[in-house]
Amino acid sequence: MDKIKIQKTEIVAREILLYFVDFFRFTIPIFDKAGVYRIPFKEYDKFRLNDKIKFSHEMHRLKRAGVIKKYIDEKGEFIELTPKGQKWVKKYFTEQLEIKIPQKWDKKWRLVIFDIPDTKKKERDILREKLERLGFLKLQESVYVFPFECSFEIEAFKKMYIIEPYVQYILADRIETEINLLEEFYDLGVLDKHNI
């Protein structure tokens, strides 16, 4: 029973933290060097309406853990991510990032190429691992390919890990070895007779 309770509170905590990603996704780069990540407390009403007691408990738990803190000024009350909270959000974001596969392939290739310096080796390793988990194939060293639209997901990842200058997303009509790629994506189940 305790394990079930822990899982439920973890889900609420993830929702609370991942809302920072949704809130900032279309406005400013996520977690830039000078960024302070505050969201007006009223933005969290949707969580409070679902279960006020659980929401309040999780907010208190996250504050106690040093993940978020309250910030109050003349404009109102805010929830602010601490540096520890930013690490948690990155972890949750990376785990949940997925690419929605459309019904039909548009016969174009998506290339992700990167040249990330050793000072960001950890971010480079996370990117490489995530691309492989998403189903990308390694075309060359630091060059990965995927058949479906994923610019939004790649852009969000770049912003989250502050690696925008080192990563490029390319849309290509043709790749010289695409016959082999088609076979490999077919074997992996990314492409099949329904979406080709």
Protein backbone atom coordinates (compact mmCIF):
# COMPACT_ATOMS: atom_id res chain seq x y z
CA MET A 1 0.00 0.00 0.00
CA ASP A 2 2.82 2.41 0.88
CA LYS A 3 4.42 1.73 -2.51
CA ILE A 4 1.19 2.67 -4.32
CA LYS A 5 0.98 5.91 -2.31
CA ILE A 6 4.58 6.79 -3.18
CA GLN A 7 3.90 6.19 -6.89
CA LYS A 8 0.82 8.43 -6.80
CA THR A 9 2.65 11.28 -5.06
CA GLU A 10 5.53 10.90 -7.53
CA ILE A 11 3.08 11.39 -10.42
CA VAL A 12 1.69 14.58 -8.88
CA ALA A 13 5.23 15.87 -8.24
CA ARG A 14 6.16 15.21 -11.86
CA GLU A 15 3.08 17.07 -13.08
CA ILE A 16 3.92 20.05 -10.89
CA LEU A 17 7.54 20.19 -12.06
CA LEU A 18 6.94 19.43 -15.74
CA TYR A 19 4.49 22.30 -15.93
CA PHE A 20 7.55 24.56 -15.85
CA VAL A 21 8.53 23.03 -19.20
CA ASP A 22 5.08 23.62 -20.71
CA PHE A 23 4.89 27.15 -19.33
CA PHE A 24 8.24 28.29 -20.74
CA ARG A 25 8.35 26.16 -23.89
CA PHE A 26 6.92 28.83 -26.19
CA THR A 27 8.29 31.92 -24.46
CA ILE A 28 11.93 31.82 -23.38
CA PRO A 29 14.80 29.32 -23.67
CA ILE A 30 14.43 26.73 -20.96
CA PHE A 31 17.05 26.88 -18.21
CA ASP A 32 19.33 29.45 -19.82
CA LYS A 33 22.31 30.54 -17.74
CA ALA A 34 20.66 33.66 -16.32
CA GLY A 35 17.14 32.26 -16.07
CA VAL A 36 14.96 32.44 -12.99
CA TYR A 37 12.07 30.04 -13.35
CA ARG A 38 8.96 31.34 -11.66
CA ILE A 39 5.35 30.54 -12.40
CA PRO A 40 2.42 32.44 -10.90
CA PHE A 41 0.83 30.27 -8.24
CA LYS A 42 -2.59 30.72 -9.85
CA GLU A 43 -1.32 28.81 -12.90
CA TYR A 44 -1.45 25.65 -10.80
CA ASP A 45 -5.22 25.86 -10.23
CA LYS A 46 -5.82 22.89 -12.52
CA PHE A 47 -3.85 20.64 -10.14
CA ARG A 48 -5.54 22.07 -7.07
CA LEU A 49 -9.00 21.48 -8.51
CA ASN A 50 -8.28 17.78 -9.06
CA ASP A 51 -7.22 17.04 -5.51
CA LYS A 52 -6.45 20.02 -3.26
CA ILE A 53 -5.16 17.92 -0.37
CA LYS A 54 -2.76 15.87 -2.53
CA PHE A 55 -1.60 18.99 -4.39
CA SER A 56 -0.89 20.87 -1.14
CA HIS A 57 0.94 17.87 0.30
CA GLU A 58 3.15 17.56 -2.80
CA MET A 59 3.91 21.27 -2.89
CA HIS A 60 4.98 21.10 0.75
CA ARG A 61 7.07 17.98 0.09
CA LEU A 62 8.82 19.59 -2.90
CA LYS A 63 9.56 22.73 -0.87
CA ARG A 64 10.91 20.66 2.01
CA ALA A 65 13.13 18.75 -0.43
CA GLY A 66 14.58 22.03 -1.72
CA VAL A 67 13.18 21.58 -5.23
CA ILE A 68 10.88 24.60 -5.30
CA LYS A 69 10.41 27.70 -3.19
CA LYS A 70 7.84 30.46 -2.87
CA TYR A 71 8.59 33.91 -4.19
CA ILE A 72 6.37 36.88 -3.36
CA ASP A 73 6.55 40.42 -4.74
CA GLU A 74 4.13 43.21 -5.59
CA LYS A 75 2.90 41.22 -8.60
CA GLY A 76 1.81 38.25 -6.53
CA GLU A 77 2.86 34.81 -5.35
CA PHE A 78 5.08 32.58 -7.48
CA ILE A 79 6.54 29.08 -7.46
CA GLU A 80 10.26 29.16 -8.27
CA LEU A 81 12.50 26.28 -9.28
CA THR A 82 15.72 25.93 -7.31
CA PRO A 83 18.89 24.61 -9.03
CA LYS A 84 18.01 21.20 -7.57
CA GLY A 85 14.52 21.55 -9.06
CA GLN A 86 15.99 22.30 -12.48
CA LYS A 87 17.91 19.01 -12.31
CA TRP A 88 14.72 17.13 -11.41
CA VAL A 89 12.80 18.75 -14.28
CA LYS A 90 15.55 17.83 -16.75
CA LYS A 91 15.41 14.24 -15.55
CA TYR A 92 11.62 13.99 -15.82
CA PHE A 93 11.56 15.79 -19.17
CA THR A 94 14.19 13.47 -20.64
CA GLU A 95 12.39 10.36 -19.41
CA GLN A 96 9.03 11.42 -20.85
CA LEU A 97 10.16 12.86 -24.18
CA GLU A 98 8.64 10.84 -27.03
CA ILE A 99 8.00 11.32 -30.73
CA LYS A 100 4.48 10.86 -32.03
CA ILE A 101 4.51 8.61 -35.08
CA PRO A 102 2.12 9.77 -37.84
CA GLN A 103 -0.01 7.40 -39.89
CA LYS A 104 1.96 8.06 -43.09
CA TRP A 105 5.62 8.78 -43.75
CA ASP A 106 6.22 11.92 -45.85
CA LYS A 107 9.33 10.35 -47.47
CA LYS A 108 11.66 12.87 -45.84
CA TRP A 109 14.54 12.27 -43.47
CA ARG A 110 15.31 14.10 -40.23
CA LEU A 111 18.98 14.45 -39.40
CA VAL A 112 20.35 15.53 -36.06
CA ILE A 113 24.01 16.45 -36.20
CA PHE A 114 26.05 17.71 -33.29
CA ASP A 115 29.51 18.84 -32.31
CA ILE A 116 29.23 19.29 -28.56
CA PRO A 117 32.45 20.26 -26.74
CA ASP A 118 33.99 18.18 -23.97
CA THR A 119 32.92 20.79 -21.44
CA LYS A 120 29.40 19.49 -22.08
CA LYS A 121 30.27 15.81 -22.31
CA LYS A 122 27.47 14.83 -19.95
CA GLU A 123 24.87 16.63 -22.10
CA ARG A 124 26.38 15.04 -25.22
CA ASP A 125 26.07 11.55 -23.73
CA ILE A 126 22.47 12.21 -22.64
CA LEU A 127 21.57 13.43 -26.14
CA ARG A 128 23.17 10.42 -27.83
CA GLU A 129 21.46 7.98 -25.47
CA LYS A 130 18.08 9.69 -25.88
CA LEU A 131 18.28 9.71 -29.68
CA GLU A 132 18.98 5.98 -29.68
CA ARG A 133 16.10 5.31 -27.28
CA LEU A 134 13.75 7.34 -29.48
CA GLY A 135 14.61 5.09 -32.42
CA PHE A 136 17.16 7.20 -34.31
CA LEU A 137 19.83 5.38 -36.28
CA LYS A 138 23.46 6.42 -36.17
CA LEU A 139 24.43 7.45 -39.70
CA GLN A 140 27.94 8.61 -38.82
CA GLU A 141 29.72 9.75 -35.69
CA SER A 142 27.50 12.44 -34.16
CA VAL A 143 25.00 12.18 -37.04
CA TYR A 144 21.64 10.52 -36.38
CA VAL A 145 18.67 9.99 -38.68
CA PHE A 146 14.93 9.47 -38.18
CA PRO A 147 12.07 9.30 -40.71
CA PHE A 148 9.40 11.30 -38.86
CA GLU A 149 8.88 14.93 -37.86
CA CYS A 150 10.53 15.68 -34.52
CA SER A 151 11.81 19.27 -34.74
CA PHE A 152 9.72 20.34 -31.75
CA GLU A 153 11.13 17.59 -29.53
CA ILE A 154 14.73 18.20 -30.62
CA GLU A 155 14.36 21.97 -30.12
CA ALA A 156 12.92 21.46 -26.63
CA PHE A 157 15.80 19.10 -25.76
CA LYS A 158 18.39 21.58 -27.05
CA LYS A 159 16.91 24.36 -24.93
CA MET A 160 16.57 22.20 -21.87
CA TYR A 161 20.26 21.25 -21.90
CA ILE A 162 21.57 24.58 -23.27
CA ILE A 163 23.19 22.99 -26.33
CA GLU A 164 21.49 25.00 -29.10
CA PRO A 165 24.74 26.25 -30.70
CA TYR A 166 26.10 22.71 -31.04
CA VAL A 167 23.14 20.80 -32.48
CA GLN A 168 21.48 21.12 -35.87
CA TYR A 169 18.24 19.64 -37.15
CA ILE A 170 18.16 19.03 -40.91
CA LEU A 171 15.29 18.00 -43.16
CA ALA A 172 16.47 16.01 -46.22
CA ASP A 173 14.64 14.68 -49.27
CA ARG A 174 17.16 11.96 -49.97
CA ILE A 175 20.05 10.11 -48.35
CA GLU A 176 22.45 8.09 -50.47
CA THR A 177 22.07 4.98 -48.30
CA GLU A 178 18.32 5.31 -47.74
CA ILE A 179 17.56 1.80 -49.03
CA ASN A 180 19.60 0.40 -46.15
CA LEU A 181 17.99 2.85 -43.73
CA LEU A 182 14.50 1.80 -44.83
CA GLU A 183 15.37 -1.82 -44.13
CA GLU A 184 16.83 -1.01 -40.71
CA PHE A 185 13.85 1.14 -39.67
CA TYR A 186 11.54 -1.59 -40.94
CA ASP A 187 13.40 -4.21 -38.85
CA LEU A 188 13.14 -1.94 -35.79
CA GLY A 189 9.39 -1.51 -36.33
CA VAL A 190 9.65 2.28 -36.74
CA LEU A 191 8.48 1.97 -40.34
CA ASP A 192 5.99 -0.67 -41.48
CA LYS A 193 3.64 -1.44 -44.35
CA HIS A 194 0.99 0.85 -42.84
CA ASN A 195 3.00 4.06 -42.74
CA ILE A 196 5.32 3.68 -45.74
